[in-house]
Structures are given as structure tokens and as C-alpha cells.
Amino acid sequence: MKKFIAVAGNIGVGKSTLVNMLAKHLNWQPFYEPEAENPYLPDFYRDMKTWAFHSQLFFLTHRLRIHRRLIDQPHSVIQDRSVYEDAEVFARNLHLQGQMGERDYTTYWELYQVLSEFLPPPDLVVYLRASETTLLRRIHRRGRDYEREISQNYLHQLNQLYESWVNNFGLCPVLTVPADDMDFVEHPGHLALIVQKVQQKLTGKDVVVFDPEEVANGRNYIVEKG
């Protein structure tokens, strides 16, 4: 039976890498966010308060369209970042920072809620949780120029919004991965453990958690391809 997983998490936590690795082990189709040229970005960076609504509306439309395409895929799919994060984390953060006014944000939020009601949700959200220290270390390690100015405070704000979103998200099950303690790139056993937990969650097991002992002994797990 076709399945749809969305991998969520803050900047630098390892979403794209995990999507790629899970797709290989589960023999599913990975889906990475295709880059789209937002025509409002130059104006947005010059004057965020004036153009935040327009820019976020473009991104929302783009991500809603992608979500719809994923639903129509004939094969099981793993997605890198969901439409929910765009609205409930990044747009909300702009509002909290005062970059998007109350009237514009209310209009944006109501549009997002109405449109998202027509989209079938994923079967599972895999949420990678990591501290700001871990995120900054990984961001610096991958060395993207446009990420050099990301501050710990900004990541902290996003982390708080991610936690609020995950704690209140009821559209599908959520599997929270303790990304501070797990390095699925360097330690294959950690990837195997994540694969095991994902499969347990997809089969309907109510409580699926990462026990600290099994995380510590993650190298003993053997990956089974689905």
C-alpha cells in the first residue's frame, strides 16, 4: 500500500540526508523541494515588512501545489519538509518578529487553514529534534554561504515554534527523532534504528520511542530493506 512520509525539522538538522537514506532502504521515492524563483524575494530582503505577506503567499501556493502532486504519485514517497512547517513555523516567526502585520498574517493564516483542509495529510511525520548547538555545528560543517549569518537566537525561535507545532499537530502520527544523540550519516546503526521505528509507526503501533540505551547501542541494528 502506498505511503507518504514527511521529514520535518529545523535548518541544518539533516532532513535532506535522512530523506535520501530512508528512500534507499525502504525503496521509496524521495521528493526534494524543487527550487522556485520567488519573484518577491529581492523586494522582501530590501523591505521585509512591506513584502513578507507577498513572499510567503508565493511560497504557500508553491508548497501546496507540491503536496498535491505528492498525493497523486503512484508510489510511496518521502518528502523533505512539509507545507505545514512553512506556515506554522516560518510564516508565524515572521509575524512574531513584527515583519508581517496582524492583518496580513490573519489573511495568510486563514487561507492556509482553508486550503490545507482539502489536502490529505501524510501517513507519518518524522520530526528531527536538535538543539541550537547541534544545528549550528551542522550548518557550519556544510558551509553554505547564504547560511553563514544564521544566529543561535534565530534557530532557538524556530525550535520553539517547531515544538509548538509538533505538540499540537493532530493530522497524522509524529515520530520524534533525538537528532542530538543520533548521527545516521556516521553510524549506520542509527539509521537502522530510525528505519525500524518508522516501520513500527506505520504499522499502527501507538507508542514508538527512542530509548537512550538502544540509541547508544545503535551500531548493533541491521538495516532491512523494505
Protein backbone atom coordinates (compact mmCIF):
# COMPACT_ATOMS: atom_id res chain seq x y z
CA MET A 1 0.00 0.00 0.00
CA LYS A 2 1.27 3.45 -0.94
CA LYS A 3 2.62 5.55 1.94
CA PHE A 4 3.56 9.21 2.32
CA ILE A 5 6.14 10.36 4.90
CA ALA A 6 7.22 13.95 5.51
CA VAL A 7 10.57 14.60 7.21
CA ALA A 8 10.46 17.81 9.27
CA GLY A 9 12.93 19.81 11.30
CA ASN A 10 14.91 22.99 11.73
CA ILE A 11 17.58 24.36 9.41
CA GLY A 12 20.66 22.13 9.27
CA VAL A 13 19.17 19.20 11.18
CA GLY A 14 19.70 16.73 8.32
CA LYS A 15 16.30 16.42 6.64
CA SER A 16 17.53 16.01 3.06
CA THR A 17 20.16 13.49 4.08
CA LEU A 18 17.66 11.39 6.02
CA VAL A 19 15.15 11.54 3.15
CA ASN A 20 17.81 10.20 0.79
CA MET A 21 18.90 7.42 3.13
CA LEU A 22 15.40 6.32 4.11
CA ALA A 23 14.32 6.25 0.47
CA LYS A 24 17.18 3.91 -0.40
CA HIS A 25 16.47 1.50 2.46
CA LEU A 26 12.72 1.49 2.01
CA ASN A 27 12.87 1.52 -1.79
CA TRP A 28 10.61 4.56 -1.82
CA GLN A 29 10.71 7.66 -3.98
CA PRO A 30 12.42 10.67 -2.38
CA PHE A 31 10.97 14.08 -3.13
CA TYR A 32 13.09 17.14 -2.57
CA GLU A 33 11.71 20.65 -2.65
CA PRO A 34 12.31 21.89 -6.21
CA GLU A 35 13.74 25.35 -6.25
CA ALA A 36 11.32 28.01 -7.43
CA GLU A 37 12.30 31.58 -8.12
CA ASN A 38 10.23 33.69 -5.80
CA PRO A 39 9.74 36.99 -7.66
CA TYR A 40 9.17 38.82 -4.37
CA LEU A 41 12.45 37.87 -2.68
CA PRO A 42 14.54 40.86 -3.87
CA ASP A 43 11.84 43.24 -2.60
CA PHE A 44 11.41 41.18 0.56
CA TYR A 45 15.08 41.44 1.53
CA ARG A 46 15.01 45.20 0.91
CA ASP A 47 11.79 45.80 2.86
CA MET A 48 10.57 42.77 4.82
CA LYS A 49 7.58 44.45 6.44
CA THR A 50 6.14 45.51 3.09
CA TRP A 51 6.78 42.31 1.17
CA ALA A 52 6.62 39.50 3.77
CA PHE A 53 2.97 38.72 3.01
CA HIS A 54 3.52 38.57 -0.75
CA SER A 55 6.62 36.41 -0.42
CA GLN A 56 5.04 33.96 2.00
CA LEU A 57 1.91 33.72 -0.13
CA PHE A 58 4.05 32.71 -3.10
CA PHE A 59 5.80 30.03 -1.03
CA LEU A 60 2.49 28.77 0.34
CA THR A 61 1.00 28.39 -3.13
CA HIS A 62 4.13 26.62 -4.33
CA ARG A 63 4.23 24.15 -1.43
CA LEU A 64 0.51 23.40 -1.58
CA ARG A 65 0.90 22.50 -5.25
CA ILE A 66 3.82 20.20 -4.41
CA HIS A 67 1.81 18.48 -1.67
CA ARG A 68 -0.98 17.83 -4.15
CA ARG A 69 1.48 16.30 -6.62
CA LEU A 70 2.84 14.01 -3.91
CA ILE A 71 -0.63 12.69 -3.18
CA ASP A 72 -1.04 11.87 -6.87
CA GLN A 73 2.22 9.90 -7.06
CA PRO A 74 1.65 6.16 -7.72
CA HIS A 75 4.50 5.08 -5.41
CA SER A 76 5.35 5.58 -1.74
CA VAL A 77 7.04 8.94 -1.21
CA ILE A 78 9.32 10.57 1.37
CA GLN A 79 9.22 14.38 1.36
CA ASP A 80 11.84 16.85 2.51
CA ARG A 81 9.92 19.49 4.57
CA SER A 82 6.15 19.87 4.57
CA VAL A 83 3.68 22.63 3.76
CA TYR A 84 2.74 22.71 7.45
CA GLU A 85 6.19 23.92 8.52
CA ASP A 86 6.16 26.73 6.02
CA ALA A 87 3.01 28.20 7.56
CA GLU A 88 3.21 27.16 11.19
CA VAL A 89 6.91 27.78 11.75
CA PHE A 90 8.43 30.18 9.23
CA ALA A 91 5.47 32.45 8.42
CA ARG A 92 4.49 32.54 12.08
CA ASN A 93 8.04 33.50 13.00
CA LEU A 94 7.90 36.45 10.60
CA HIS A 95 4.71 37.57 12.30
CA LEU A 96 6.19 37.24 15.78
CA GLN A 97 9.24 39.23 14.70
CA GLY A 98 6.97 42.03 13.50
CA GLN A 99 7.86 41.53 9.84
CA MET A 100 4.29 40.55 8.89
CA GLY A 101 1.48 42.71 10.21
CA GLU A 102 -1.57 41.38 12.03
CA ARG A 103 -3.99 41.95 9.15
CA ASP A 104 -1.77 40.28 6.55
CA TYR A 105 -0.92 37.40 8.84
CA THR A 106 -4.59 36.75 9.65
CA THR A 107 -5.41 36.64 5.93
CA TYR A 108 -2.45 34.34 5.25
CA TRP A 109 -3.32 32.03 8.15
CA GLU A 110 -6.98 31.71 7.20
CA LEU A 111 -6.07 30.94 3.60
CA TYR A 112 -3.58 28.28 4.73
CA GLN A 113 -6.15 26.64 7.01
CA VAL A 114 -8.86 26.54 4.34
CA LEU A 115 -6.59 25.16 1.62
CA SER A 116 -4.86 22.62 3.85
CA GLU A 117 -8.23 21.12 4.77
CA PHE A 118 -8.52 19.85 1.19
CA LEU A 119 -5.13 18.11 1.26
CA PRO A 120 -4.84 14.53 2.51
CA PRO A 121 -2.20 14.53 5.28
CA PRO A 122 0.93 12.35 5.27
CA ASP A 123 0.80 8.91 6.86
CA LEU A 124 3.66 9.94 9.15
CA VAL A 125 5.76 12.97 10.03
CA VAL A 126 9.34 12.20 11.09
CA TYR A 127 10.46 15.15 13.20
CA LEU A 128 14.20 15.59 13.70
CA ARG A 129 14.69 17.40 17.01
CA ALA A 130 18.07 19.02 17.72
CA SER A 131 19.48 21.76 19.94
CA GLU A 132 20.74 25.04 18.52
CA THR A 133 24.32 23.95 19.27
CA THR A 134 23.93 20.85 17.10
CA LEU A 135 22.20 22.80 14.35
CA LEU A 136 24.94 25.46 14.20
CA ARG A 137 27.65 22.81 14.09
CA ARG A 138 25.99 21.04 11.18
CA ILE A 139 25.23 24.30 9.36
CA HIS A 140 28.89 25.35 9.60
CA ARG A 141 30.03 21.90 8.51
CA ARG A 142 28.05 22.01 5.26
CA GLY A 143 29.36 25.51 4.54
CA ARG A 144 26.59 27.19 2.56
CA ASP A 145 27.37 30.88 2.09
CA TYR A 146 23.80 32.09 2.50
CA GLU A 147 23.55 30.33 5.88
CA ARG A 148 26.62 31.95 7.43
CA GLU A 149 24.63 34.71 9.13
CA ILE A 150 22.09 32.40 10.82
CA SER A 151 22.24 33.10 14.55
CA GLN A 152 21.68 30.82 17.52
CA ASN A 153 18.83 33.06 18.64
CA TYR A 154 17.06 32.66 15.29
CA LEU A 155 17.41 28.88 15.47
CA HIS A 156 16.10 28.98 19.03
CA GLN A 157 12.98 30.86 17.92
CA LEU A 158 12.37 28.33 15.17
CA ASN A 159 12.94 25.44 17.57
CA GLN A 160 10.28 26.80 19.90
CA LEU A 161 7.80 27.09 17.04
CA TYR A 162 8.65 23.57 15.84
CA GLU A 163 7.96 22.18 19.31
CA SER A 164 4.64 24.03 19.50
CA TRP A 165 3.65 22.75 16.06
CA VAL A 166 4.58 19.13 16.77
CA ASN A 167 2.84 19.14 20.15
CA ASN A 168 -0.39 20.36 18.57
CA PHE A 169 -0.24 18.50 15.25
CA GLY A 170 -3.10 16.03 15.00
CA LEU A 171 -3.41 15.25 11.30
CA CYS A 172 -1.19 12.17 11.40
CA PRO A 173 1.23 10.37 13.75
CA VAL A 174 4.57 12.02 14.52
CA LEU A 175 7.82 10.15 15.19
CA THR A 176 10.31 12.36 17.04
CA VAL A 177 13.97 11.50 16.45
CA PRO A 178 16.53 12.73 19.04
CA ALA A 179 18.94 14.13 16.47
CA ASP A 180 21.39 15.44 19.10
CA ASP A 181 22.24 11.87 20.06
CA MET A 182 21.94 10.21 16.65
CA ASP A 183 24.23 10.59 13.66
CA PHE A 184 22.71 8.48 10.89
CA VAL A 185 25.47 9.54 8.48
CA GLU A 186 28.44 8.36 10.55
CA HIS A 187 26.72 5.46 12.31
CA PRO A 188 24.69 3.06 10.11
CA GLY A 189 23.18 1.55 13.24
CA HIS A 190 21.39 4.82 13.98
CA LEU A 191 19.85 4.80 10.51
CA ALA A 192 18.76 1.20 11.06
CA LEU A 193 17.11 2.19 14.31
CA ILE A 194 15.21 5.02 12.62
CA VAL A 195 14.07 2.67 9.85
CA GLN A 196 12.83 0.23 12.48
CA LYS A 197 10.90 2.93 14.35
CA VAL A 198 9.37 4.28 11.14
CA GLN A 199 8.14 0.84 10.18
CA GLN A 200 6.69 0.31 13.65
CA LYS A 201 4.86 3.62 13.48
CA LEU A 202 3.49 2.91 10.01
CA THR A 203 2.09 -0.44 11.14
CA GLY A 204 -0.01 1.35 13.73
CA LYS A 205 1.97 0.92 16.94
CA ASP A 206 0.75 3.68 19.26
CA VAL A 207 3.87 4.30 21.34
CA VAL A 208 7.19 4.34 19.49
CA VAL A 209 10.12 5.99 21.28
CA PHE A 210 13.90 6.03 21.08
CA ASP A 211 15.25 4.52 24.29
CA PRO A 212 18.64 6.02 25.27
CA GLU A 213 20.15 2.56 25.67
CA GLU A 214 19.16 1.40 22.20
CA VAL A 215 20.41 4.69 20.74
CA ALA A 216 23.76 4.11 22.48
CA ASN A 217 23.87 0.58 21.08
CA GLY A 218 22.62 1.60 17.65
CA ARG A 219 25.51 0.00 15.79
CA ASN A 220 24.06 -3.43 16.61
CA TYR A 221 20.98 -2.88 14.43
CA ILE A 222 20.89 -4.36 10.94
CA VAL A 223 19.08 -2.48 8.21
CA GLU A 224 16.46 -4.49 6.35
CA LYS A 225 15.43 -3.08 3.02
CA GLY A 226 11.66 -2.83 2.54
